[in-house]
Amino acid sequence: MRFKAELILLSFFFLPFRAEISANEDLSSAPPVVTVAAVGDIMMGTDYPSPKLPSKDGKFLFEEAKGFLRKADIVFGNLEGPLTEEGGTAKKAKDKESYVFRTPPRYVKNLVDAGFSVLSLANNHSGDFGYKGMSSTKRVLVAAGIKYSSKAGEVAEFEINGLKLGVAAFSFGPPPRSIVYPEQALEEIDRLSKKYDLLILSIHGGKEGGSALRTENEFEYFLDEPRGNLVQFAHAAIDKGADLILVHGPHVPRALEIYQDRLIAYSLGNFCTYRGMSLDKEKGYAPLLWVELRRKGEFLRGKIFSFIQVPPGAPKRDEKERAWDLIKKLSQEDFPETSPFFGESQTILPREKTPEKNLAPGAPSIAHSPDESS
């Protein structure tokens, strides 16, 4: 970033997210940042096996969230289910534990309007309608100007403030890009980290549901299906050069951890899952994670904005801040030595950055949402 030239512009847009600055810090030499807004699972309604679609083609789905999302350099989500009109599902919904999704391609306009720039297709629903459904999804996203990454090997590439940034998606199941068989996946991460200045990983894994809140350093299963060891894989991926890791799959929020100065979000939960998934209790919590990264990839600062889904499902701002409270609690319990510092007003900071060390008279505070005037 040409920091001096853009300082006024940054101050206007990102003042709500700036960490406290000491009176002795020279702002002109402050490190430039890349900003990331990330959410979990997205499924905007399905027309299979029977229509469960929102009115007005879902135009309202991201209405309360888009003011937060649009301000980031990178806006990420996990797209569950293909954008297709193709017939011939690749799997059958045999019981209440099986789900098959198919969203009309025209709904992509909701993702564009919300500001999404990259989506993960590396999950267990993107292939619900097989090769044709996946191919349709990719064509629709390309035509809409949204990048993607899937287990097929794509890397979403961005040029931001003079930095070359890549986003790569991983999941469970057979290789390639499987966290269940980590050796091959980690070799790829090592290669990618040498190609990009910053490397962001999306990972779909872990067990699911209300019993999946806790993050433990162990191999996880769901319905006897191997879902990987997220802690072990995330740490190894950072050792290989990854800079930010965004996990989805458990359908509930999980803890945050800082490892080697890099941030790991162990589950971003459900964000917009219209009539497709249970929204009971924590499954309805819908965090929006805002992250700022230093030029070399270190976690600089961030926020957790709390949204909530109530049936039939769309993210609404949660004044009770339940996602924030839950993630704070889980982080401090699951990673007491390595969780971020949780400050006031949804703020997260590197562990060594406490208000006592960084707050000075007249310093900007992290006190407003991205929609609010400073």
Foldseek 3Di string as FASTA:
>chain_A
DCCVVCVVVCCFQPLLWDAFAAPPDDSNPPFDKAKEKEWEEAAQFAPPPHGQHDPPLSLCQCVQPLLQQQSGPAYEYEYFAFQDPDDAFPDDPPDPVDFAGYRHLVSVVSVVSSHHAEYECADDHCCRRHPVRVVRRCVSCVVSNHYYEYQVGDWDWDQDPNWIETEYEAWDDDDDRHQVPQPNNLVVLLVVLVVGLAYEYEYEFAEADPVGAAQDQDFHDYPNHTGHRVVVNVQSSVVSHHQEYEYAHRQFFYEWFADPQHIYGNHNHHAFQFQGDDQPDRSFKIWIKMFIAGSNRGTAKIFIFIWGADPRGGTDGDPVCVNLVSRVVRHCVRPVPTGFDQDPPRMTGHNVDDCVVRHDPPTRHNHDRSVDGD
